Amino acid sequence: MSCEKCIKYLEFCILLFLCYVPHKGVGWDSGSVPHGLKPGGTQASFSAGQLMFDPQSSSGNVSALVGKQAVLSCTIRNVNNHSISWIRHRDTSLLAVNKFVYTTSHRVKVHHNAGTDEWRLVLQPVSLTDQGWYSCQVSTTPHLEHRMYLGVIQPNTLILGPKERYIEKGSTINLTCIIHAGPLNLNPSFVFWNYNGKIITYDRERGGTVVISDRGEQTTSSLIITHATATDSGQYQCDPSASYPQHVNVHVINTGGPSDAVRRSNSVSLAHQRSFSLLSLLLLSFIQHWICMSKEKQSV
């Protein structure tokens, strides 16, 4: 056989190999995600009038806070008369078809404006059990789908120090609030400080400075009020946009005055109660030890 025939025969063999060797597929059920589908969905090439998902306008990885709202969005071009279904993959539940909700949960709603390409699944209020994979599916044969992942985060708000604050008249009120709300995109875009149920204006005549700093997954906000007077006594609340509010009660007192005497008296009384409880516990432990020792001696 000539070299030219050998080369043609080799090319023919390579062509047969490329045509008939199947691709090694990976399914969702195997625990891994096919390439290009994390967290997207069925890929489709665009042509005029063709039904397809728009991955740029559809949800991918969505994060939501417990108690807040989660919105999952699907943008689908040229749907025509096909139906759009929402599936929760944790338990393979059919949540909704078009505008009709099939689940009994009042927290699930669907939205679609006629003439638009966007379908939305809304969960409110979000719970920890909502975390997982979701998909919107088009009733084609075979069906097309776009998958997205909802991550749920439990936020936390903490005002440093005790719930009851006693501040001497003329000193500075300094309240520090720490908010944990997960990723940076969920950190509070603003933090309100309320005084007796009303929002504190930062430029009020009494003064009041708010300092906010972002540190990764933690946001810190401090409220500083100088030259405290009796009118500054009351309830102060830290109310972040991406978490739950917390409050403390501030009492501005005159050092050595009647209010201070009552506070000191209450503190001393509480200290005496704690000391008495500790002594009682020690005495009870001693009696139990003595009884055990006596029983051991009798058995000997």
C-alpha atoms as a PDB file:
ATOM      1  CA  MET A   1       0.000   0.000   0.000  1.00  0.00           C
ATOM      2  CA  SER A   2       1.408   3.433  -0.967  1.00  0.00           C
ATOM      3  CA  CYS A   3       2.049   6.185   1.600  1.00  0.00           C
ATOM      4  CA  GLU A   4      -0.740   8.313   0.067  1.00  0.00           C
ATOM      5  CA  LYS A   5      -3.282   5.529   0.534  1.00  0.00           C
ATOM      6  CA  CYS A   6      -2.053   4.969   4.111  1.00  0.00           C
ATOM      7  CA  ILE A   7      -2.614   8.646   4.978  1.00  0.00           C
ATOM      8  CA  LYS A   8      -6.141   8.654   3.496  1.00  0.00           C
ATOM      9  CA  TYR A   9      -7.003   5.459   5.339  1.00  0.00           C
ATOM     10  CA  LEU A  10      -5.767   6.973   8.625  1.00  0.00           C
ATOM     11  CA  GLU A  11      -7.851  10.136   8.079  1.00  0.00           C
ATOM     12  CA  PHE A  12     -10.912   7.974   7.416  1.00  0.00           C
ATOM     13  CA  CYS A  13     -10.376   6.043  10.690  1.00  0.00           C
ATOM     14  CA  ILE A  14     -10.029   9.266  12.703  1.00  0.00           C
ATOM     15  CA  LEU A  15     -13.266  10.624  11.188  1.00  0.00           C
ATOM     16  CA  LEU A  16     -15.136   7.434  12.116  1.00  0.00           C
ATOM     17  CA  PHE A  17     -13.819   7.662  15.685  1.00  0.00           C
ATOM     18  CA  LEU A  18     -14.987  11.263  16.132  1.00  0.00           C
ATOM     19  CA  CYS A  19     -18.441  10.510  14.737  1.00  0.00           C
ATOM     20  CA  TYR A  20     -19.266   7.371  16.659  1.00  0.00           C
ATOM     21  CA  VAL A  21     -17.587   7.734  20.062  1.00  0.00           C
ATOM     22  CA  PRO A  22     -20.330   9.035  22.425  1.00  0.00           C
ATOM     23  CA  HIS A  23     -19.718  11.859  24.873  1.00  0.00           C
ATOM     24  CA  LYS A  24     -19.466  10.834  28.489  1.00  0.00           C
ATOM     25  CA  GLY A  25     -22.492  12.535  30.055  1.00  0.00           C
ATOM     26  CA  VAL A  26     -22.920  13.585  33.687  1.00  0.00           C
ATOM     27  CA  GLY A  27     -26.369  13.877  35.224  1.00  0.00           C
ATOM     28  CA  TRP A  28     -27.782  15.882  38.133  1.00  0.00           C
ATOM     29  CA  ASP A  29     -28.656  12.664  39.945  1.00  0.00           C
ATOM     30  CA  SER A  30     -24.995  11.631  40.071  1.00  0.00           C
ATOM     31  CA  GLY A  31     -24.248  14.569  42.357  1.00  0.00           C
ATOM     32  CA  SER A  32     -22.266  16.556  39.802  1.00  0.00           C
ATOM     33  CA  VAL A  33     -23.309  19.249  37.385  1.00  0.00           C
ATOM     34  CA  PRO A  34     -22.752  19.070  33.615  1.00  0.00           C
ATOM     35  CA  HIS A  35     -20.277  21.597  32.284  1.00  0.00           C
ATOM     36  CA  GLY A  36     -21.921  24.901  31.459  1.00  0.00           C
ATOM     37  CA  LEU A  37     -25.016  24.154  33.575  1.00  0.00           C
ATOM     38  CA  LYS A  38     -23.928  25.479  36.940  1.00  0.00           C
ATOM     39  CA  PRO A  39     -26.264  26.968  37.821  1.00  0.00           C
ATOM     40  CA  GLY A  40     -27.647  27.755  34.377  1.00  0.00           C
ATOM     41  CA  GLY A  41     -29.763  25.470  32.317  1.00  0.00           C
ATOM     42  CA  THR A  42     -30.413  24.174  28.843  1.00  0.00           C
ATOM     43  CA  GLN A  43     -28.127  25.927  26.405  1.00  0.00           C
ATOM     44  CA  ALA A  44     -29.678  27.149  23.158  1.00  0.00           C
ATOM     45  CA  SER A  45     -28.185  28.950  20.203  1.00  0.00           C
ATOM     46  CA  PHE A  46     -30.053  32.060  19.144  1.00  0.00           C
ATOM     47  CA  SER A  47     -31.978  32.364  15.953  1.00  0.00           C
ATOM     48  CA  ALA A  48     -34.898  34.604  15.098  1.00  0.00           C
ATOM     49  CA  GLY A  49     -38.139  33.305  16.596  1.00  0.00           C
ATOM     50  CA  GLN A  50     -36.472  30.403  18.418  1.00  0.00           C
ATOM     51  CA  LEU A  51     -37.535  29.570  21.966  1.00  0.00           C
ATOM     52  CA  MET A  52     -34.566  30.023  24.321  1.00  0.00           C
ATOM     53  CA  PHE A  53     -33.507  31.041  27.817  1.00  0.00           C
ATOM     54  CA  ASP A  54     -31.573  34.245  28.353  1.00  0.00           C
ATOM     55  CA  PRO A  55     -28.953  33.270  30.977  1.00  0.00           C
ATOM     56  CA  GLN A  56     -27.754  36.851  31.356  1.00  0.00           C
ATOM     57  CA  SER A  57     -31.177  38.051  32.517  1.00  0.00           C
ATOM     58  CA  SER A  58     -32.100  34.916  34.505  1.00  0.00           C
ATOM     59  CA  SER A  59     -31.154  34.104  38.087  1.00  0.00           C
ATOM     60  CA  GLY A  60     -28.090  31.995  38.826  1.00  0.00           C
ATOM     61  CA  ASN A  61     -26.909  31.891  42.437  1.00  0.00           C
ATOM     62  CA  VAL A  62     -29.366  33.787  44.626  1.00  0.00           C
ATOM     63  CA  SER A  63     -28.814  34.605  48.322  1.00  0.00           C
ATOM     64  CA  ALA A  64     -31.611  35.586  50.695  1.00  0.00           C
ATOM     65  CA  LEU A  65     -31.995  36.297  54.411  1.00  0.00           C
ATOM     66  CA  VAL A  66     -34.328  34.374  56.685  1.00  0.00           C
ATOM     67  CA  GLY A  67     -37.557  36.318  57.065  1.00  0.00           C
ATOM     68  CA  LYS A  68     -36.929  38.445  53.977  1.00  0.00           C
ATOM     69  CA  GLN A  69     -37.890  37.999  50.311  1.00  0.00           C
ATOM     70  CA  ALA A  70     -36.264  35.810  47.642  1.00  0.00           C
ATOM     71  CA  VAL A  71     -36.955  36.371  43.942  1.00  0.00           C
ATOM     72  CA  LEU A  72     -35.993  33.755  41.330  1.00  0.00           C
ATOM     73  CA  SER A  73     -36.206  34.994  37.756  1.00  0.00           C
ATOM     74  CA  CYS A  74     -36.364  33.291  34.367  1.00  0.00           C
ATOM     75  CA  THR A  75     -36.153  35.193  31.090  1.00  0.00           C
ATOM     76  CA  ILE A  76     -37.407  33.107  28.151  1.00  0.00           C
ATOM     77  CA  ARG A  77     -37.615  34.332  24.562  1.00  0.00           C
ATOM     78  CA  ASN A  78     -40.416  33.335  22.183  1.00  0.00           C
ATOM     79  CA  VAL A  79     -42.488  31.270  24.617  1.00  0.00           C
ATOM     80  CA  ASN A  80     -45.637  31.546  22.491  1.00  0.00           C
ATOM     81  CA  ASN A  81     -48.258  29.124  23.863  1.00  0.00           C
ATOM     82  CA  HIS A  82     -45.936  26.962  25.967  1.00  0.00           C
ATOM     83  CA  SER A  83     -46.435  26.646  29.731  1.00  0.00           C
ATOM     84  CA  ILE A  84     -43.851  27.695  32.328  1.00  0.00           C
ATOM     85  CA  SER A  85     -43.472  25.484  35.414  1.00  0.00           C
ATOM     86  CA  TRP A  86     -41.504  26.042  38.628  1.00  0.00           C
ATOM     87  CA  ILE A  87     -39.921  22.980  40.283  1.00  0.00           C
ATOM     88  CA  ARG A  88     -38.266  22.646  43.706  1.00  0.00           C
ATOM     89  CA  HIS A  89     -35.702  19.861  43.385  1.00  0.00           C
ATOM     90  CA  ARG A  90     -35.293  19.118  47.104  1.00  0.00           C
ATOM     91  CA  ASP A  91     -38.556  17.196  47.053  1.00  0.00           C
ATOM     92  CA  THR A  92     -39.371  17.424  43.319  1.00  0.00           C
ATOM     93  CA  SER A  93     -42.416  19.562  44.129  1.00  0.00           C
ATOM     94  CA  LEU A  94     -44.356  21.315  41.395  1.00  0.00           C
ATOM     95  CA  LEU A  95     -44.749  24.828  42.831  1.00  0.00           C
ATOM     96  CA  ALA A  96     -46.526  26.645  40.014  1.00  0.00           C
ATOM     97  CA  VAL A  97     -47.555  26.558  36.351  1.00  0.00           C
ATOM     98  CA  ASN A  98     -47.846  29.899  34.557  1.00  0.00           C
ATOM     99  CA  LYS A  99     -49.716  32.105  37.075  1.00  0.00           C
ATOM    100  CA  PHE A 100     -51.279  29.262  39.052  1.00  0.00           C
ATOM    101  CA  VAL A 101     -49.664  28.233  42.353  1.00  0.00           C
ATOM    102  CA  TYR A 102     -50.016  24.514  43.128  1.00  0.00           C
ATOM    103  CA  THR A 103     -48.386  24.415  46.560  1.00  0.00           C
ATOM    104  CA  THR A 104     -50.479  25.106  49.657  1.00  0.00           C
ATOM    105  CA  SER A 105     -47.832  27.385  51.138  1.00  0.00           C
ATOM    106  CA  HIS A 106     -48.960  31.008  51.331  1.00  0.00           C
ATOM    107  CA  ARG A 107     -45.308  32.062  51.028  1.00  0.00           C
ATOM    108  CA  VAL A 108     -45.057  31.107  47.337  1.00  0.00           C
ATOM    109  CA  LYS A 109     -46.189  33.473  44.590  1.00  0.00           C
ATOM    110  CA  VAL A 110     -45.542  33.780  40.847  1.00  0.00           C
ATOM    111  CA  HIS A 111     -45.437  36.946  38.749  1.00  0.00           C
ATOM    112  CA  HIS A 112     -45.532  37.516  35.015  1.00  0.00           C
ATOM    113  CA  ASN A 113     -46.594  40.608  33.092  1.00  0.00           C
ATOM    114  CA  ALA A 114     -48.290  39.837  29.816  1.00  0.00           C
ATOM    115  CA  GLY A 115     -46.135  40.641  26.797  1.00  0.00           C
ATOM    116  CA  THR A 116     -42.852  40.343  28.702  1.00  0.00           C
ATOM    117  CA  ASP A 117     -40.241  37.567  28.692  1.00  0.00           C
ATOM    118  CA  GLU A 118     -39.685  37.415  32.466  1.00  0.00           C
ATOM    119  CA  TRP A 119     -41.260  34.908  34.873  1.00  0.00           C
ATOM    120  CA  ARG A 120     -40.590  35.237  38.613  1.00  0.00           C
ATOM    121  CA  LEU A 121     -41.009  32.932  41.582  1.00  0.00           C
ATOM    122  CA  VAL A 122     -41.245  34.845  44.894  1.00  0.00           C
ATOM    123  CA  LEU A 123     -40.733  33.294  48.354  1.00  0.00           C
ATOM    124  CA  GLN A 124     -41.669  35.462  51.324  1.00  0.00           C
ATOM    125  CA  PRO A 125     -40.863  35.177  54.139  1.00  0.00           C
ATOM    126  CA  VAL A 126     -37.864  32.975  53.391  1.00  0.00           C
ATOM    127  CA  SER A 127     -37.117  30.041  55.718  1.00  0.00           C
ATOM    128  CA  LEU A 128     -33.973  27.918  56.086  1.00  0.00           C
ATOM    129  CA  THR A 129     -35.762  24.967  54.456  1.00  0.00           C
ATOM    130  CA  ASP A 130     -36.107  26.952  51.208  1.00  0.00           C
ATOM    131  CA  GLN A 131     -32.416  26.530  50.448  1.00  0.00           C
ATOM    132  CA  GLY A 132     -31.599  24.385  47.424  1.00  0.00           C
ATOM    133  CA  TRP A 133     -32.008  24.007  43.662  1.00  0.00           C
ATOM    134  CA  TYR A 134     -34.989  25.348  41.683  1.00  0.00           C
ATOM    135  CA  SER A 135     -35.780  25.343  37.988  1.00  0.00           C
ATOM    136  CA  CYS A 136     -38.194  26.930  35.574  1.00  0.00           C
ATOM    137  CA  GLN A 137     -39.231  24.572  32.780  1.00  0.00           C
ATOM    138  CA  VAL A 138     -40.860  25.075  29.394  1.00  0.00           C
ATOM    139  CA  SER A 139     -43.406  22.499  28.240  1.00  0.00           C
ATOM    140  CA  THR A 140     -41.581  21.490  25.087  1.00  0.00           C
ATOM    141  CA  THR A 141     -40.721  17.906  24.068  1.00  0.00           C
ATOM    142  CA  PRO A 142     -38.225  17.320  25.510  1.00  0.00           C
ATOM    143  CA  HIS A 143     -38.706  20.102  28.040  1.00  0.00           C
ATOM    144  CA  LEU A 144     -36.217  22.947  28.370  1.00  0.00           C
ATOM    145  CA  GLU A 145     -35.163  24.165  31.809  1.00  0.00           C
ATOM    146  CA  HIS A 146     -33.036  26.713  33.598  1.00  0.00           C
ATOM    147  CA  ARG A 147     -31.697  25.847  37.056  1.00  0.00           C
ATOM    148  CA  MET A 148     -30.762  28.223  39.860  1.00  0.00           C
ATOM    149  CA  TYR A 149     -29.570  27.828  43.441  1.00  0.00           C
ATOM    150  CA  LEU A 150     -31.080  29.629  46.429  1.00  0.00           C
ATOM    151  CA  GLY A 151     -28.812  30.040  49.448  1.00  0.00           C
ATOM    152  CA  VAL A 152     -30.489  31.080  52.712  1.00  0.00           C
ATOM    153  CA  ILE A 153     -28.627  32.975  55.432  1.00  0.00           C
ATOM    154  CA  GLN A 154     -29.626  33.529  59.066  1.00  0.00           C
ATOM    155  CA  PRO A 155     -28.786  37.188  59.886  1.00  0.00           C
ATOM    156  CA  ASN A 156     -27.852  38.384  63.345  1.00  0.00           C
ATOM    157  CA  THR A 157     -27.840  41.824  64.997  1.00  0.00           C
ATOM    158  CA  LEU A 158     -26.078  42.566  68.296  1.00  0.00           C
ATOM    159  CA  ILE A 159     -25.665  45.770  70.303  1.00  0.00           C
ATOM    160  CA  LEU A 160     -22.554  45.395  72.442  1.00  0.00           C
ATOM    161  CA  GLY A 161     -22.976  45.658  76.206  1.00  0.00           C
ATOM    162  CA  PRO A 162     -25.918  45.218  78.607  1.00  0.00           C
ATOM    163  CA  LYS A 163     -29.547  45.896  77.736  1.00  0.00           C
ATOM    164  CA  GLU A 164     -29.774  48.534  80.483  1.00  0.00           C
ATOM    165  CA  ARG A 165     -27.195  51.332  80.217  1.00  0.00           C
ATOM    166  CA  TYR A 166     -26.539  53.894  82.972  1.00  0.00           C
ATOM    167  CA  ILE A 167     -24.726  56.966  81.665  1.00  0.00           C
ATOM    168  CA  GLU A 168     -23.538  59.872  83.792  1.00  0.00           C
ATOM    169  CA  LYS A 169     -24.898  63.276  82.840  1.00  0.00           C
ATOM    170  CA  GLY A 170     -22.475  65.175  80.622  1.00  0.00           C
ATOM    171  CA  SER A 171     -20.666  62.063  79.409  1.00  0.00           C
ATOM    172  CA  THR A 172     -20.820  60.439  75.945  1.00  0.00           C
ATOM    173  CA  ILE A 173     -23.379  57.840  74.849  1.00  0.00           C
ATOM    174  CA  ASN A 174     -21.599  55.343  72.578  1.00  0.00           C
ATOM    175  CA  LEU A 175     -23.703  52.468  71.205  1.00  0.00           C
ATOM    176  CA  THR A 176     -22.117  49.932  68.860  1.00  0.00           C
ATOM    177  CA  CYS A 177     -24.201  47.614  66.699  1.00  0.00           C
ATOM    178  CA  ILE A 178     -22.719  44.590  64.876  1.00  0.00           C
ATOM    179  CA  ILE A 179     -24.622  43.032  61.967  1.00  0.00           C
ATOM    180  CA  HIS A 180     -23.782  39.622  60.487  1.00  0.00           C
ATOM    181  CA  ALA A 181     -25.618  39.206  57.189  1.00  0.00           C
ATOM    182  CA  GLY A 182     -23.538  36.852  55.089  1.00  0.00           C
ATOM    183  CA  PRO A 183     -21.881  37.857  51.794  1.00  0.00           C
ATOM    184  CA  LEU A 184     -20.963  41.414  50.958  1.00  0.00           C
ATOM    185  CA  ASN A 185     -23.922  41.797  48.607  1.00  0.00           C
ATOM    186  CA  LEU A 186     -26.275  41.178  51.546  1.00  0.00           C
ATOM    187  CA  ASN A 187     -24.602  43.529  54.019  1.00  0.00           C
ATOM    188  CA  PRO A 188     -26.891  46.385  55.055  1.00  0.00           C
ATOM    189  CA  SER A 189     -26.906  49.247  52.582  1.00  0.00           C
ATOM    190  CA  PHE A 190     -28.079  51.420  55.468  1.00  0.00           C
ATOM    191  CA  VAL A 191     -28.556  51.182  59.238  1.00  0.00           C
ATOM    192  CA  PHE A 192     -31.243  53.213  61.007  1.00  0.00           C
ATOM    193  CA  TRP A 193     -30.881  54.273  64.636  1.00  0.00           C
ATOM    194  CA  ASN A 194     -34.230  54.897  66.316  1.00  0.00           C
ATOM    195  CA  TYR A 195     -34.907  56.773  69.545  1.00  0.00           C
ATOM    196  CA  ASN A 196     -38.177  55.884  71.286  1.00  0.00           C
ATOM    197  CA  GLY A 197     -39.596  54.557  68.022  1.00  0.00           C
ATOM    198  CA  LYS A 198     -38.544  57.515  65.847  1.00  0.00           C
ATOM    199  CA  ILE A 199     -35.629  57.682  63.403  1.00  0.00           C
ATOM    200  CA  ILE A 200     -32.747  59.755  64.706  1.00  0.00           C
ATOM    201  CA  THR A 201     -31.715  62.483  62.265  1.00  0.00           C
ATOM    202  CA  TYR A 202     -27.966  62.689  62.123  1.00  0.00           C
ATOM    203  CA  ASP A 203     -27.896  66.488  61.977  1.00  0.00           C
ATOM    204  CA  ARG A 204     -30.326  67.103  64.842  1.00  0.00           C
ATOM    205  CA  GLU A 205     -29.508  69.988  67.193  1.00  0.00           C
ATOM    206  CA  ARG A 206     -28.690  67.622  70.061  1.00  0.00           C
ATOM    207  CA  GLY A 207     -25.971  66.045  67.986  1.00  0.00           C
ATOM    208  CA  GLY A 208     -25.469  62.424  67.108  1.00  0.00           C
ATOM    209  CA  THR A 209     -22.784  60.890  64.941  1.00  0.00           C
ATOM    210  CA  VAL A 210     -23.185  57.572  63.150  1.00  0.00           C
ATOM    211  CA  VAL A 211     -20.070  55.718  62.018  1.00  0.00           C
ATOM    212  CA  ILE A 212     -20.433  52.663  59.739  1.00  0.00           C
ATOM    213  CA  SER A 213     -17.621  50.307  58.770  1.00  0.00           C
ATOM    214  CA  ASP A 214     -17.710  47.161  56.605  1.00  0.00           C
ATOM    215  CA  ARG A 215     -15.461  44.234  57.441  1.00  0.00           C
ATOM    216  CA  GLY A 216     -16.135  41.285  55.171  1.00  0.00           C
ATOM    217  CA  GLU A 217     -19.320  39.576  56.304  1.00  0.00           C
ATOM    218  CA  GLN A 218     -19.713  41.943  59.281  1.00  0.00           C
ATOM    219  CA  THR A 219     -21.019  45.509  59.388  1.00  0.00           C
ATOM    220  CA  THR A 220     -20.444  47.739  62.421  1.00  0.00           C
ATOM    221  CA  SER A 221     -22.466  50.878  63.149  1.00  0.00           C
ATOM    222  CA  SER A 222     -21.844  53.180  66.113  1.00  0.00           C
ATOM    223  CA  LEU A 223     -24.127  55.915  67.439  1.00  0.00           C
ATOM    224  CA  ILE A 224     -22.281  58.608  69.399  1.00  0.00           C
ATOM    225  CA  ILE A 225     -24.063  61.340  71.368  1.00  0.00           C
ATOM    226  CA  THR A 226     -21.914  63.764  73.365  1.00  0.00           C
ATOM    227  CA  HIS A 227     -22.809  65.733  76.530  1.00  0.00           C
ATOM    228  CA  ALA A 228     -25.683  63.473  77.515  1.00  0.00           C
ATOM    229  CA  THR A 229     -28.629  65.007  79.382  1.00  0.00           C
ATOM    230  CA  ALA A 230     -31.712  63.552  81.042  1.00  0.00           C
ATOM    231  CA  THR A 231     -33.678  64.115  77.799  1.00  0.00           C
ATOM    232  CA  ASP A 232     -31.427  61.554  76.092  1.00  0.00           C
ATOM    233  CA  SER A 233     -32.762  58.770  78.306  1.00  0.00           C
ATOM    234  CA  GLY A 234     -34.932  56.248  76.473  1.00  0.00           C
ATOM    235  CA  GLN A 235     -34.873  53.278  74.133  1.00  0.00           C
ATOM    236  CA  TYR A 236     -32.323  53.196  71.307  1.00  0.00           C
ATOM    237  CA  GLN A 237     -32.788  50.731  68.466  1.00  0.00           C
ATOM    238  CA  CYS A 238     -30.359  49.552  65.777  1.00  0.00           C
ATOM    239  CA  ASP A 239     -32.420  48.703  62.681  1.00  0.00           C
ATOM    240  CA  PRO A 240     -30.357  47.450  59.700  1.00  0.00           C
ATOM    241  CA  SER A 241     -31.902  47.007  56.265  1.00  0.00           C
ATOM    242  CA  ALA A 242     -30.636  43.414  55.963  1.00  0.00           C
ATOM    243  CA  SER A 243     -31.242  42.014  59.446  1.00  0.00           C
ATOM    244  CA  TYR A 244     -33.444  42.212  62.540  1.00  0.00           C
ATOM    245  CA  PRO A 245     -33.545  45.221  64.908  1.00  0.00           C
ATOM    246  CA  GLN A 246     -32.158  45.188  68.457  1.00  0.00           C
ATOM    247  CA  HIS A 247     -32.540  47.774  71.214  1.00  0.00           C
ATOM    248  CA  VAL A 248     -31.085  48.938  74.536  1.00  0.00           C
ATOM    249  CA  ASN A 249     -32.440  51.224  77.243  1.00  0.00           C
ATOM    250  CA  VAL A 250     -30.292  54.204  78.205  1.00  0.00           C
ATOM    251  CA  HIS A 251     -30.633  55.969  81.579  1.00  0.00           C
ATOM    252  CA  VAL A 252     -28.829  59.293  81.987  1.00  0.00           C
ATOM    253  CA  ILE A 253     -28.279  59.914  85.727  1.00  0.00           C
ATOM    254  CA  ASN A 254     -26.780  62.527  88.021  1.00  0.00           C
ATOM    255  CA  THR A 255     -23.862  61.024  89.924  1.00  0.00           C
ATOM    256  CA  GLY A 256     -24.703  60.935  93.627  1.00  0.00           C
ATOM    257  CA  GLY A 257     -28.355  61.839  93.031  1.00  0.00           C
ATOM    258  CA  PRO A 258     -31.457  59.857  94.100  1.00  0.00           C
ATOM    259  CA  SER A 259     -31.533  57.852  90.848  1.00  0.00           C
ATOM    260  CA  ASP A 260     -27.907  56.913  91.254  1.00  0.00           C
ATOM    261  CA  ALA A 261     -28.511  55.874  94.852  1.00  0.00           C
ATOM    262  CA  VAL A 262     -31.396  53.627  93.817  1.00  0.00           C
ATOM    263  CA  ARG A 263     -29.286  52.066  91.044  1.00  0.00           C
ATOM    264  CA  ARG A 264     -26.386  51.445  93.422  1.00  0.00           C
ATOM    265  CA  SER A 265     -28.777  49.974  95.982  1.00  0.00           C
ATOM    266  CA  ASN A 266     -30.212  47.614  93.377  1.00  0.00           C
ATOM    267  CA  SER A 267     -26.713  46.614  92.281  1.00  0.00           C
ATOM    268  CA  VAL A 268     -25.624  45.888  95.856  1.00  0.00           C
ATOM    269  CA  SER A 269     -28.794  43.872  96.503  1.00  0.00           C
ATOM    270  CA  LEU A 270     -28.216  41.822  93.354  1.00  0.00           C
ATOM    271  CA  ALA A 271     -24.587  41.211  94.360  1.00  0.00           C
ATOM    272  CA  HIS A 272     -25.732  40.006  97.811  1.00  0.00           C
ATOM    273  CA  GLN A 273     -28.230  37.638  96.202  1.00  0.00           C
ATOM    274  CA  ARG A 274     -25.538  36.156  93.966  1.00  0.00           C
ATOM    275  CA  SER A 275     -23.132  35.756  96.905  1.00  0.00           C
ATOM    276  CA  PHE A 276     -25.810  34.023  98.971  1.00  0.00           C
ATOM    277  CA  SER A 277     -26.623  31.633  96.113  1.00  0.00           C
ATOM    278  CA  LEU A 278     -22.944  30.776  95.707  1.00  0.00           C
ATOM    279  CA  LEU A 279     -22.498  30.111  99.437  1.00  0.00           C
ATOM    280  CA  SER A 280     -25.606  27.924  99.489  1.00  0.00           C
ATOM    281  CA  LEU A 281     -24.260  25.886  96.578  1.00  0.00           C
ATOM    282  CA  LEU A 282     -20.879  25.420  98.297  1.00  0.00           C
ATOM    283  CA  LEU A 283     -22.554  24.390 101.552  1.00  0.00           C
ATOM    284  CA  LEU A 284     -24.738  21.846  99.754  1.00  0.00           C
ATOM    285  CA  SER A 285     -21.703  20.384  97.990  1.00  0.00           C
ATOM    286  CA  PHE A 286     -19.854  20.081 101.335  1.00  0.00           C
ATOM    287  CA  ILE A 287     -22.813  18.285 102.979  1.00  0.00           C
ATOM    288  CA  GLN A 288     -23.071  15.822 100.067  1.00  0.00           C
ATOM    289  CA  HIS A 289     -19.332  15.116 100.261  1.00  0.00           C
ATOM    290  CA  TRP A 290     -19.524  14.582 104.053  1.00  0.00           C
ATOM    291  CA  ILE A 291     -22.412  12.110 103.661  1.00  0.00           C
ATOM    292  CA  CYS A 292     -20.482  10.122 101.045  1.00  0.00           C
ATOM    293  CA  MET A 293     -17.405   9.967 103.277  1.00  0.00           C
ATOM    294  CA  SER A 294     -19.511   8.770 106.217  1.00  0.00           C
ATOM    295  CA  LYS A 295     -21.057   5.965 104.153  1.00  0.00           C
ATOM    296  CA  GLU A 296     -17.621   4.824 103.002  1.00  0.00           C
ATOM    297  CA  LYS A 297     -16.351   4.660 106.607  1.00  0.00           C
ATOM    298  CA  GLN A 298     -19.404   2.619 107.690  1.00  0.00           C
ATOM    299  CA  SER A 299     -18.889   0.140 104.866  1.00  0.00           C
ATOM    300  CA  VAL A 300     -15.262  -0.350 105.916  1.00  0.00           C
END
